[in-house]
C-alpha atoms as a PDB file:
ATOM      1  CA  UNK A   1      14.607   8.549   6.496  1.00  0.00           C
ATOM      2  CA  UNK A   2      12.502  11.579   7.345  1.00  0.00           C
ATOM      3  CA  UNK A   3      11.938  12.689  10.910  1.00  0.00           C
ATOM      4  CA  UNK A   4       9.483  10.631  12.954  1.00  0.00           C
ATOM      5  CA  UNK A   5       6.248  12.426  13.736  1.00  0.00           C
ATOM      6  CA  UNK A   6       3.926  11.980  16.686  1.00  0.00           C
ATOM      7  CA  UNK A   7       0.288  12.012  15.670  1.00  0.00           C
ATOM      8  CA  UNK A   8      -3.001  10.971  17.198  1.00  0.00           C
ATOM      9  CA  UNK A   9      -4.230   7.772  15.594  1.00  0.00           C
ATOM     10  CA  UNK A  10      -7.742   6.823  14.523  1.00  0.00           C
ATOM     11  CA  UNK A  11      -9.605   3.541  14.641  1.00  0.00           C
ATOM     12  CA  UNK A  12     -11.213   1.345  17.253  1.00  0.00           C
ATOM     13  CA  UNK A  13      -8.710   1.044  20.100  1.00  0.00           C
ATOM     14  CA  UNK A  14      -8.416  -2.483  21.452  1.00  0.00           C
ATOM     15  CA  UNK A  15      -5.549  -1.853  23.863  1.00  0.00           C
ATOM     16  CA  UNK A  16      -3.462   1.101  25.025  1.00  0.00           C
ATOM     17  CA  UNK A  17       0.117   1.570  26.192  1.00  0.00           C
ATOM     18  CA  UNK A  18       1.402  -1.731  24.853  1.00  0.00           C
ATOM     19  CA  UNK A  19       4.778  -2.438  23.274  1.00  0.00           C
ATOM     20  CA  UNK A  20       5.382  -3.771  19.786  1.00  0.00           C
ATOM     21  CA  UNK A  21       6.258  -7.139  21.282  1.00  0.00           C
ATOM     22  CA  UNK A  22       3.031  -7.229  23.308  1.00  0.00           C
ATOM     23  CA  UNK A  23       1.021  -6.298  20.223  1.00  0.00           C
ATOM     24  CA  UNK A  24       2.611  -9.073  18.166  1.00  0.00           C
ATOM     25  CA  UNK A  25       1.911 -11.609  20.906  1.00  0.00           C
ATOM     26  CA  UNK A  26      -1.731 -10.590  21.402  1.00  0.00           C
ATOM     27  CA  UNK A  27      -2.891  -9.329  18.013  1.00  0.00           C
ATOM     28  CA  UNK A  28      -0.183  -9.934  15.430  1.00  0.00           C
ATOM     29  CA  UNK A  29      -2.003 -12.802  13.727  1.00  0.00           C
ATOM     30  CA  UNK A  30      -5.276 -10.897  13.369  1.00  0.00           C
ATOM     31  CA  UNK A  31      -5.649  -9.597   9.824  1.00  0.00           C
ATOM     32  CA  UNK A  32      -7.444  -6.377  10.761  1.00  0.00           C
ATOM     33  CA  UNK A  33      -5.193  -5.093  13.558  1.00  0.00           C
ATOM     34  CA  UNK A  34      -2.438  -2.479  13.559  1.00  0.00           C
ATOM     35  CA  UNK A  35      -0.176  -0.961  16.201  1.00  0.00           C
ATOM     36  CA  UNK A  36       0.525   2.783  16.377  1.00  0.00           C
ATOM     37  CA  UNK A  37       1.173   5.309  19.150  1.00  0.00           C
ATOM     38  CA  UNK A  38       1.296   2.418  21.628  1.00  0.00           C
ATOM     39  CA  UNK A  39      -2.245   1.322  20.743  1.00  0.00           C
ATOM     40  CA  UNK A  40      -3.653  -1.831  19.184  1.00  0.00           C
ATOM     41  CA  UNK A  41      -6.156  -0.697  16.563  1.00  0.00           C
ATOM     42  CA  UNK A  42      -9.001  -2.664  14.997  1.00  0.00           C
ATOM     43  CA  UNK A  43      -9.592  -1.875  11.331  1.00  0.00           C
ATOM     44  CA  UNK A  44     -12.907  -2.330   9.481  1.00  0.00           C
ATOM     45  CA  UNK A  45     -13.318  -5.115   6.952  1.00  0.00           C
ATOM     46  CA  UNK A  46     -12.983  -4.156   3.278  1.00  0.00           C
ATOM     47  CA  UNK A  47     -16.045  -3.958   1.065  1.00  0.00           C
ATOM     48  CA  UNK A  48     -16.398  -5.828  -2.242  1.00  0.00           C
ATOM     49  CA  UNK A  49     -15.058  -2.901  -4.305  1.00  0.00           C
ATOM     50  CA  UNK A  50     -11.895  -2.749  -2.207  1.00  0.00           C
ATOM     51  CA  UNK A  51     -11.445  -6.504  -2.516  1.00  0.00           C
ATOM     52  CA  UNK A  52     -11.782  -6.375  -6.320  1.00  0.00           C
ATOM     53  CA  UNK A  53      -9.169  -3.621  -6.607  1.00  0.00           C
ATOM     54  CA  UNK A  54      -6.852  -5.488  -4.227  1.00  0.00           C
ATOM     55  CA  UNK A  55      -7.121  -8.725  -6.238  1.00  0.00           C
ATOM     56  CA  UNK A  56      -6.418  -6.873  -9.481  1.00  0.00           C
ATOM     57  CA  UNK A  57      -3.332  -5.090  -8.145  1.00  0.00           C
ATOM     58  CA  UNK A  58      -1.957  -8.206  -6.475  1.00  0.00           C
ATOM     59  CA  UNK A  59      -2.263 -10.079  -9.774  1.00  0.00           C
ATOM     60  CA  UNK A  60      -0.820  -7.173 -11.760  1.00  0.00           C
ATOM     61  CA  UNK A  61       2.267  -6.820  -9.567  1.00  0.00           C
ATOM     62  CA  UNK A  62       2.781 -10.592  -9.411  1.00  0.00           C
ATOM     63  CA  UNK A  63       2.613 -10.909 -13.203  1.00  0.00           C
ATOM     64  CA  UNK A  64       4.870  -7.885 -13.611  1.00  0.00           C
ATOM     65  CA  UNK A  65       7.581  -9.687 -11.647  1.00  0.00           C
ATOM     66  CA  UNK A  66       6.973 -12.917 -13.562  1.00  0.00           C
ATOM     67  CA  UNK A  67       7.367 -11.127 -16.912  1.00  0.00           C
ATOM     68  CA  UNK A  68      10.349  -8.964 -15.948  1.00  0.00           C
ATOM     69  CA  UNK A  69      13.872  -9.543 -14.747  1.00  0.00           C
ATOM     70  CA  UNK A  70      13.207  -7.618 -11.540  1.00  0.00           C
ATOM     71  CA  UNK A  71      13.121  -9.658  -8.346  1.00  0.00           C
ATOM     72  CA  UNK A  72      10.334  -8.894  -5.936  1.00  0.00           C
ATOM     73  CA  UNK A  73       7.241 -10.114  -4.181  1.00  0.00           C
ATOM     74  CA  UNK A  74       3.737  -8.964  -3.316  1.00  0.00           C
ATOM     75  CA  UNK A  75       1.797  -9.389  -0.084  1.00  0.00           C
ATOM     76  CA  UNK A  76      -1.864  -8.601   0.552  1.00  0.00           C
ATOM     77  CA  UNK A  77      -2.768  -6.996   3.878  1.00  0.00           C
ATOM     78  CA  UNK A  78       0.504  -7.868   5.685  1.00  0.00           C
ATOM     79  CA  UNK A  79       1.961  -6.222   8.744  1.00  0.00           C
ATOM     80  CA  UNK A  80       4.579  -3.653   7.726  1.00  0.00           C
ATOM     81  CA  UNK A  81       7.107  -2.126  10.112  1.00  0.00           C
ATOM     82  CA  UNK A  82       7.187   1.654   9.744  1.00  0.00           C
ATOM     83  CA  UNK A  83       8.862   4.506  11.586  1.00  0.00           C
ATOM     84  CA  UNK A  84       5.523   5.149  13.284  1.00  0.00           C
ATOM     85  CA  UNK A  85       4.322   1.671  14.205  1.00  0.00           C
ATOM     86  CA  UNK A  86       3.094  -1.518  12.549  1.00  0.00           C
ATOM     87  CA  UNK A  87       0.637  -0.868   9.754  1.00  0.00           C
ATOM     88  CA  UNK A  88      -1.353  -3.100   7.409  1.00  0.00           C
ATOM     89  CA  UNK A  89      -1.360  -1.694   3.874  1.00  0.00           C
ATOM     90  CA  UNK A  90      -3.766  -3.312   1.442  1.00  0.00           C
ATOM     91  CA  UNK A  91      -0.817  -4.181  -0.826  1.00  0.00           C
ATOM     92  CA  UNK A  92       2.924  -4.248  -0.134  1.00  0.00           C
ATOM     93  CA  UNK A  93       5.560  -4.707  -2.834  1.00  0.00           C
ATOM     94  CA  UNK A  94       9.031  -5.511  -1.577  1.00  0.00           C
ATOM     95  CA  UNK A  95      12.390  -6.781  -2.770  1.00  0.00           C
ATOM     96  CA  UNK A  96      13.383 -10.423  -2.501  1.00  0.00           C
ATOM     97  CA  UNK A  97      11.127 -13.408  -2.021  1.00  0.00           C
ATOM     98  CA  UNK A  98      11.314 -14.280   1.678  1.00  0.00           C
ATOM     99  CA  UNK A  99       8.297 -13.150   3.698  1.00  0.00           C
ATOM    100  CA  UNK A 100       8.734 -12.139   7.319  1.00  0.00           C
ATOM    101  CA  UNK A 101       6.150 -10.723   9.684  1.00  0.00           C
ATOM    102  CA  UNK A 102       6.258  -7.840   9.989  1.00  0.00           C
ATOM    103  CA  UNK A 103       7.779  -6.968   6.615  1.00  0.00           C
ATOM    104  CA  UNK A 104      10.823  -4.828   7.298  1.00  0.00           C
ATOM    105  CA  UNK A 105      11.286  -2.964   4.010  1.00  0.00           C
ATOM    106  CA  UNK A 106       8.919  -2.109   1.176  1.00  0.00           C
ATOM    107  CA  UNK A 107       9.383  -0.270  -2.107  1.00  0.00           C
ATOM    108  CA  UNK A 108       5.697   0.386  -2.864  1.00  0.00           C
ATOM    109  CA  UNK A 109       2.541   0.339  -0.746  1.00  0.00           C
ATOM    110  CA  UNK A 110      -1.110   0.697  -1.717  1.00  0.00           C
ATOM    111  CA  UNK A 111      -4.035   1.770   0.429  1.00  0.00           C
ATOM    112  CA  UNK A 112      -7.576   1.348  -0.910  1.00  0.00           C
ATOM    113  CA  UNK A 113      -9.443   4.068   0.912  1.00  0.00           C
ATOM    114  CA  UNK A 114     -13.090   4.462   1.955  1.00  0.00           C
ATOM    115  CA  UNK A 115     -14.996   7.200   3.776  1.00  0.00           C
ATOM    116  CA  UNK A 116     -14.103   5.558   7.089  1.00  0.00           C
ATOM    117  CA  UNK A 117     -10.373   5.508   6.380  1.00  0.00           C
ATOM    118  CA  UNK A 118      -9.857   8.943   4.798  1.00  0.00           C
ATOM    119  CA  UNK A 119      -7.943  10.438   7.722  1.00  0.00           C
ATOM    120  CA  UNK A 120      -5.977   7.267   8.404  1.00  0.00           C
ATOM    121  CA  UNK A 121      -4.839   6.824   4.795  1.00  0.00           C
ATOM    122  CA  UNK A 122      -4.332  10.481   3.868  1.00  0.00           C
ATOM    123  CA  UNK A 123      -2.674  11.668   7.085  1.00  0.00           C
ATOM    124  CA  UNK A 124      -1.515   8.937   9.472  1.00  0.00           C
ATOM    125  CA  UNK A 125      -0.319   6.350   6.972  1.00  0.00           C
ATOM    126  CA  UNK A 126       0.923   8.985   4.529  1.00  0.00           C
ATOM    127  CA  UNK A 127       3.262  10.306   7.227  1.00  0.00           C
ATOM    128  CA  UNK A 128       4.248   6.804   8.376  1.00  0.00           C
ATOM    129  CA  UNK A 129       5.207   5.615   4.903  1.00  0.00           C
ATOM    130  CA  UNK A 130       6.976   8.880   4.103  1.00  0.00           C
ATOM    131  CA  UNK A 131       8.974   8.780   7.361  1.00  0.00           C
ATOM    132  CA  UNK A 132       9.950   5.173   6.620  1.00  0.00           C
ATOM    133  CA  UNK A 133      11.334   6.103   3.215  1.00  0.00           C
ATOM    134  CA  UNK A 134       9.028   3.921   1.118  1.00  0.00           C
ATOM    135  CA  UNK A 135       9.657   4.963  -2.484  1.00  0.00           C
ATOM    136  CA  UNK A 136       6.080   4.977  -3.700  1.00  0.00           C
ATOM    137  CA  UNK A 137       2.610   5.223  -2.132  1.00  0.00           C
ATOM    138  CA  UNK A 138      -0.594   4.680  -4.118  1.00  0.00           C
ATOM    139  CA  UNK A 139      -3.822   5.902  -2.512  1.00  0.00           C
ATOM    140  CA  UNK A 140      -6.911   4.617  -4.313  1.00  0.00           C
ATOM    141  CA  UNK A 141     -10.023   6.248  -2.882  1.00  0.00           C
ATOM    142  CA  UNK A 142     -13.038   4.193  -3.942  1.00  0.00           C
ATOM    143  CA  UNK A 143     -15.415   6.512  -2.070  1.00  0.00           C
ATOM    144  CA  UNK A 144     -14.758   9.500  -4.338  1.00  0.00           C
ATOM    145  CA  UNK A 145     -13.065   7.716  -7.280  1.00  0.00           C
ATOM    146  CA  UNK A 146      -9.696   9.390  -6.892  1.00  0.00           C
ATOM    147  CA  UNK A 147      -6.232   7.897  -7.347  1.00  0.00           C
ATOM    148  CA  UNK A 148      -3.147   9.619  -5.957  1.00  0.00           C
ATOM    149  CA  UNK A 149       0.357   8.393  -6.773  1.00  0.00           C
ATOM    150  CA  UNK A 150       3.025   9.696  -4.392  1.00  0.00           C
ATOM    151  CA  UNK A 151       6.784   9.351  -4.877  1.00  0.00           C
ATOM    152  CA  UNK A 152       9.646  10.359  -2.591  1.00  0.00           C
ATOM    153  CA  UNK A 153      11.582  13.425  -3.681  1.00  0.00           C
ATOM    154  CA  UNK A 154      15.303  13.987  -3.108  1.00  0.00           C
ATOM    155  CA  UNK A 155      14.581  15.334   0.390  1.00  0.00           C
ATOM    156  CA  UNK A 156      12.589  12.295   1.472  1.00  0.00           C
ATOM    157  CA  UNK A 157       9.140  13.888   1.196  1.00  0.00           C
ATOM    158  CA  UNK A 158       6.214  12.602  -0.828  1.00  0.00           C
ATOM    159  CA  UNK A 159       5.341  14.558  -3.934  1.00  0.00           C
ATOM    160  CA  UNK A 160       2.280  13.905  -6.066  1.00  0.00           C
ATOM    161  CA  UNK A 161       3.435  12.255  -9.283  1.00  0.00           C
ATOM    162  CA  UNK A 162       2.217  13.795 -12.535  1.00  0.00           C
ATOM    163  CA  UNK A 163       0.566  11.667 -15.214  1.00  0.00           C
ATOM    164  CA  UNK A 164       1.969  11.697 -18.734  1.00  0.00           C
ATOM    165  CA  UNK A 165       0.180  12.983 -21.843  1.00  0.00           C
ATOM    166  CA  UNK A 166      -1.568   9.620 -22.241  1.00  0.00           C
ATOM    167  CA  UNK A 167      -2.922   9.899 -18.675  1.00  0.00           C
ATOM    168  CA  UNK A 168      -0.593   7.168 -17.417  1.00  0.00           C
ATOM    169  CA  UNK A 169       1.335   6.929 -14.161  1.00  0.00           C
ATOM    170  CA  UNK A 170       4.923   5.688 -14.512  1.00  0.00           C
ATOM    171  CA  UNK A 171       6.165   3.866 -11.412  1.00  0.00           C
ATOM    172  CA  UNK A 172       9.674   4.532 -10.116  1.00  0.00           C
ATOM    173  CA  UNK A 173       9.610   1.591  -7.701  1.00  0.00           C
ATOM    174  CA  UNK A 174       8.729  -0.782 -10.555  1.00  0.00           C
ATOM    175  CA  UNK A 175      10.476   0.495 -13.712  1.00  0.00           C
ATOM    176  CA  UNK A 176       8.379   0.239 -16.917  1.00  0.00           C
ATOM    177  CA  UNK A 177       5.153  -0.336 -14.995  1.00  0.00           C
ATOM    178  CA  UNK A 178       2.567   2.184 -16.130  1.00  0.00           C
ATOM    179  CA  UNK A 179      -1.108   2.427 -15.330  1.00  0.00           C
ATOM    180  CA  UNK A 180      -4.088   4.686 -15.935  1.00  0.00           C
ATOM    181  CA  UNK A 181      -6.195   5.713 -12.916  1.00  0.00           C
ATOM    182  CA  UNK A 182      -9.306   5.108 -15.026  1.00  0.00           C
ATOM    183  CA  UNK A 183      -8.781   1.346 -14.894  1.00  0.00           C
ATOM    184  CA  UNK A 184     -10.004   1.302 -11.293  1.00  0.00           C
ATOM    185  CA  UNK A 185     -13.404   2.749 -12.201  1.00  0.00           C
ATOM    186  CA  UNK A 186     -14.407   0.294 -14.910  1.00  0.00           C
ATOM    187  CA  UNK A 187     -17.605  -1.641 -14.329  1.00  0.00           C
ATOM    188  CA  UNK A 188     -15.475  -4.776 -14.036  1.00  0.00           C
ATOM    189  CA  UNK A 189     -11.816  -5.155 -13.147  1.00  0.00           C
ATOM    190  CA  UNK A 190      -9.611  -7.000 -15.693  1.00  0.00           C
ATOM    191  CA  UNK A 191      -9.795 -10.797 -15.476  1.00  0.00           C
ATOM    192  CA  UNK A 192      -6.791 -13.088 -15.008  1.00  0.00           C
ATOM    193  CA  UNK A 193      -5.862 -13.310 -18.703  1.00  0.00           C
ATOM    194  CA  UNK A 194      -6.262  -9.566 -19.203  1.00  0.00           C
ATOM    195  CA  UNK A 195      -3.963  -8.890 -16.239  1.00  0.00           C
ATOM    196  CA  UNK A 196      -1.288 -11.174 -17.692  1.00  0.00           C
ATOM    197  CA  UNK A 197      -1.524  -9.455 -21.071  1.00  0.00           C
ATOM    198  CA  UNK A 198      -1.410  -6.028 -19.403  1.00  0.00           C
ATOM    199  CA  UNK A 199       1.763  -6.881 -17.474  1.00  0.00           C
ATOM    200  CA  UNK A 200       3.485  -8.330 -20.542  1.00  0.00           C
ATOM    201  CA  UNK A 201       2.542  -5.322 -22.664  1.00  0.00           C
ATOM    202  CA  UNK A 202       4.323  -3.005 -20.230  1.00  0.00           C
ATOM    203  CA  UNK A 203       7.593  -4.897 -20.667  1.00  0.00           C
ATOM    204  CA  UNK A 204       7.760  -5.206 -24.435  1.00  0.00           C
END
């Protein structure tokens, strides 16, 4: 695990100088709250574009596990324990099937970013997930239509993953899963049957 950084956090501060245990007791059940740098933070609600992307990815990852021999589970907007506090990624993929709160170990996290969350997702959470040793971090910025796929290198630092000649990202956390960034900017996200077919096609 990389060294733990200290960094000023952004967001609406609900409470200062509280412990993790105090945060869990007071705010842990609230879907839009995180804990970092001793502060309870209130996050904004997602817009409809973020929700559509989140639903698509949750279904894609779930069907990937159903169609493959790999064991794993997907959670939407859960609390995740990191080296720099308790964060709420939009999507968390983790090994096993038992869900605890907060989730202790993840293999892949996704943040769906907006103008409001640029600093939080690109700096604060980037460093938190990197320091925790999470294998893969997807940052999907709906404000500027940019998708960044980060993967840990041998030294425990995130490197931007390169797309292949077909403009596909190949996941290392989920072997054989591949995806084009362009899919997120279609007028309509794939429906349930299309997601199932997409997941099965990856595993043929």
